[in-house]
Amino acid sequence: MQTKPDDGTNKTYLAKYFDIHAPGEHSIDGEICDLELQVFHELREDPYDVFAVSVCFEKGDDENEFIEDVIKSFDELREVDLDDAFDDIDDIGEWVYYEGSYTQPPCEENVKWAVMMDK
């Protein structure tokens, strides 16, 4: 999975890993989402140039193939396709961009964030 931040730099980042937090870590309109997917990307030429994409999920009746695969991977070793995480997002909506840090220790401050504001 590749992504290009909307910052005019024309850099292409490659996904390296993802974290899932339940409840989420970012708040939207003062509310924390039920589950937050954070996909961390690195610039191929500079692994310290990090871009994180954060997407919130709410409990609902609809199944999400990505979330189902993640849950199944706890019981058996299986591949999880990050592209499936974005299949159910019809209208991407508004994003907020900011420069911050990792959300887990040692909380290094070299992360550019893109957080989807629609839950």
Protein backbone atom coordinates (compact mmCIF):
# COMPACT_ATOMS: atom_id res chain seq x y z
CA MET A 1 0.00 0.00 0.00
CA GLN A 2 1.33 3.41 -0.99
CA THR A 3 0.11 6.89 -0.16
CA LYS A 4 0.95 10.47 -1.01
CA PRO A 5 0.23 13.15 1.57
CA ASP A 6 -1.70 16.19 0.39
CA ASP A 7 1.14 18.58 1.25
CA GLY A 8 2.46 19.42 -2.21
CA THR A 9 5.76 17.53 -1.75
CA ASN A 10 4.97 14.72 -4.21
CA LYS A 11 6.60 12.14 -1.90
CA THR A 12 5.42 8.53 -2.05
CA TYR A 13 5.33 6.61 1.23
CA LEU A 14 5.15 2.81 1.62
CA ALA A 15 3.04 1.20 4.35
CA LYS A 16 5.21 -0.60 6.89
CA TYR A 17 2.81 -1.61 9.68
CA PHE A 18 -0.45 -0.75 11.33
CA ASP A 19 -1.78 -0.40 14.86
CA ILE A 20 -5.34 -0.80 16.05
CA HIS A 21 -6.57 0.97 19.16
CA ALA A 22 -9.89 0.31 20.87
CA PRO A 23 -11.05 2.78 21.88
CA GLY A 24 -9.39 5.13 19.41
CA GLU A 25 -6.75 7.72 20.31
CA HIS A 26 -7.92 10.70 18.26
CA SER A 27 -11.15 12.51 19.09
CA ILE A 28 -13.61 13.87 16.54
CA ASP A 29 -15.88 16.65 17.77
CA GLY A 30 -14.84 15.70 21.31
CA GLU A 31 -15.81 12.03 20.91
CA ILE A 32 -13.40 9.11 20.73
CA CYS A 33 -14.27 6.48 18.14
CA ASP A 34 -14.82 2.81 19.01
CA LEU A 35 -11.82 1.62 17.02
CA GLU A 36 -8.99 3.44 15.26
CA LEU A 37 -6.74 2.06 12.54
CA GLN A 38 -3.36 3.79 12.25
CA VAL A 39 -1.31 2.89 9.16
CA PHE A 40 2.33 3.97 9.38
CA HIS A 41 4.18 4.69 6.15
CA GLU A 42 7.88 5.42 5.61
CA LEU A 43 9.62 7.22 2.82
CA ARG A 44 11.78 4.67 1.00
CA GLU A 45 14.77 7.03 0.91
CA ASP A 46 14.42 8.07 4.57
CA PRO A 47 12.79 5.67 7.09
CA TYR A 48 12.71 8.49 9.65
CA ASP A 49 10.29 10.42 7.41
CA VAL A 50 7.01 8.92 8.68
CA PHE A 51 3.45 9.55 7.50
CA ALA A 52 0.54 8.04 9.48
CA VAL A 53 -3.01 7.66 8.18
CA SER A 54 -5.69 7.29 10.85
CA VAL A 55 -9.22 6.00 10.20
CA CYS A 56 -11.95 5.63 12.82
CA PHE A 57 -14.53 2.85 12.88
CA GLU A 58 -17.79 2.69 14.84
CA LYS A 59 -19.73 -0.38 15.97
CA GLY A 60 -22.49 -1.26 13.55
CA ASP A 61 -24.44 -4.00 11.85
CA ASP A 62 -22.35 -4.00 8.67
CA GLU A 63 -19.40 -6.37 8.44
CA ASN A 64 -15.99 -5.06 7.48
CA GLU A 65 -13.73 -7.60 5.75
CA PHE A 66 -10.56 -5.97 7.07
CA ILE A 67 -11.73 -5.98 10.69
CA GLU A 68 -12.90 -9.59 10.32
CA ASP A 69 -9.46 -10.62 8.96
CA VAL A 70 -7.70 -8.88 11.84
CA ILE A 71 -9.89 -10.66 14.40
CA LYS A 72 -9.27 -14.03 12.71
CA SER A 73 -5.52 -13.37 12.66
CA PHE A 74 -5.51 -13.53 16.47
CA ASP A 75 -6.34 -17.25 16.27
CA GLU A 76 -4.35 -18.25 13.22
CA LEU A 77 -1.45 -16.83 11.25
CA ARG A 78 -2.90 -15.15 8.20
CA GLU A 79 -2.22 -12.27 5.86
CA VAL A 80 -4.20 -9.08 6.36
CA ASP A 81 -4.72 -6.82 3.32
CA LEU A 82 -4.54 -3.15 4.31
CA ASP A 83 -6.42 -2.16 1.15
CA ASP A 84 -9.50 -3.94 2.59
CA ALA A 85 -9.58 -1.36 5.40
CA PHE A 86 -10.55 1.32 2.91
CA ASP A 87 -13.00 -0.68 0.75
CA ASP A 88 -16.05 0.26 2.83
CA ILE A 89 -15.29 3.96 2.85
CA ASP A 90 -17.61 5.41 0.19
CA ASP A 91 -16.98 9.09 0.71
CA ILE A 92 -13.56 9.82 2.17
CA GLY A 93 -14.73 13.15 3.56
CA GLU A 94 -12.63 15.65 5.45
CA TRP A 95 -9.07 15.03 6.65
CA VAL A 96 -7.03 16.92 9.22
CA TYR A 97 -3.25 17.06 8.79
CA TYR A 98 -0.79 17.86 11.54
CA GLU A 99 2.79 17.16 12.60
CA GLY A 100 3.08 15.19 15.81
CA SER A 101 4.55 12.10 17.37
CA TYR A 102 4.05 8.40 17.69
CA THR A 103 1.26 7.61 20.16
CA GLN A 104 3.31 4.95 21.95
CA PRO A 105 6.66 5.28 23.77
CA PRO A 106 9.18 6.59 23.08
CA CYS A 107 6.73 9.03 21.35
CA GLU A 108 9.31 10.39 18.91
CA GLU A 109 8.12 13.59 17.24
CA ASN A 110 8.72 12.86 13.58
CA VAL A 111 5.27 11.80 12.37
CA LYS A 112 3.08 13.61 9.85
CA TRP A 113 -0.55 12.63 10.55
CA ALA A 114 -3.64 12.52 8.34
CA VAL A 115 -6.77 11.86 10.41
CA MET A 116 -10.11 11.15 8.75
CA MET A 117 -12.66 13.36 10.48
CA ASP A 118 -15.79 11.42 9.45
CA LYS A 119 -16.68 8.45 11.63
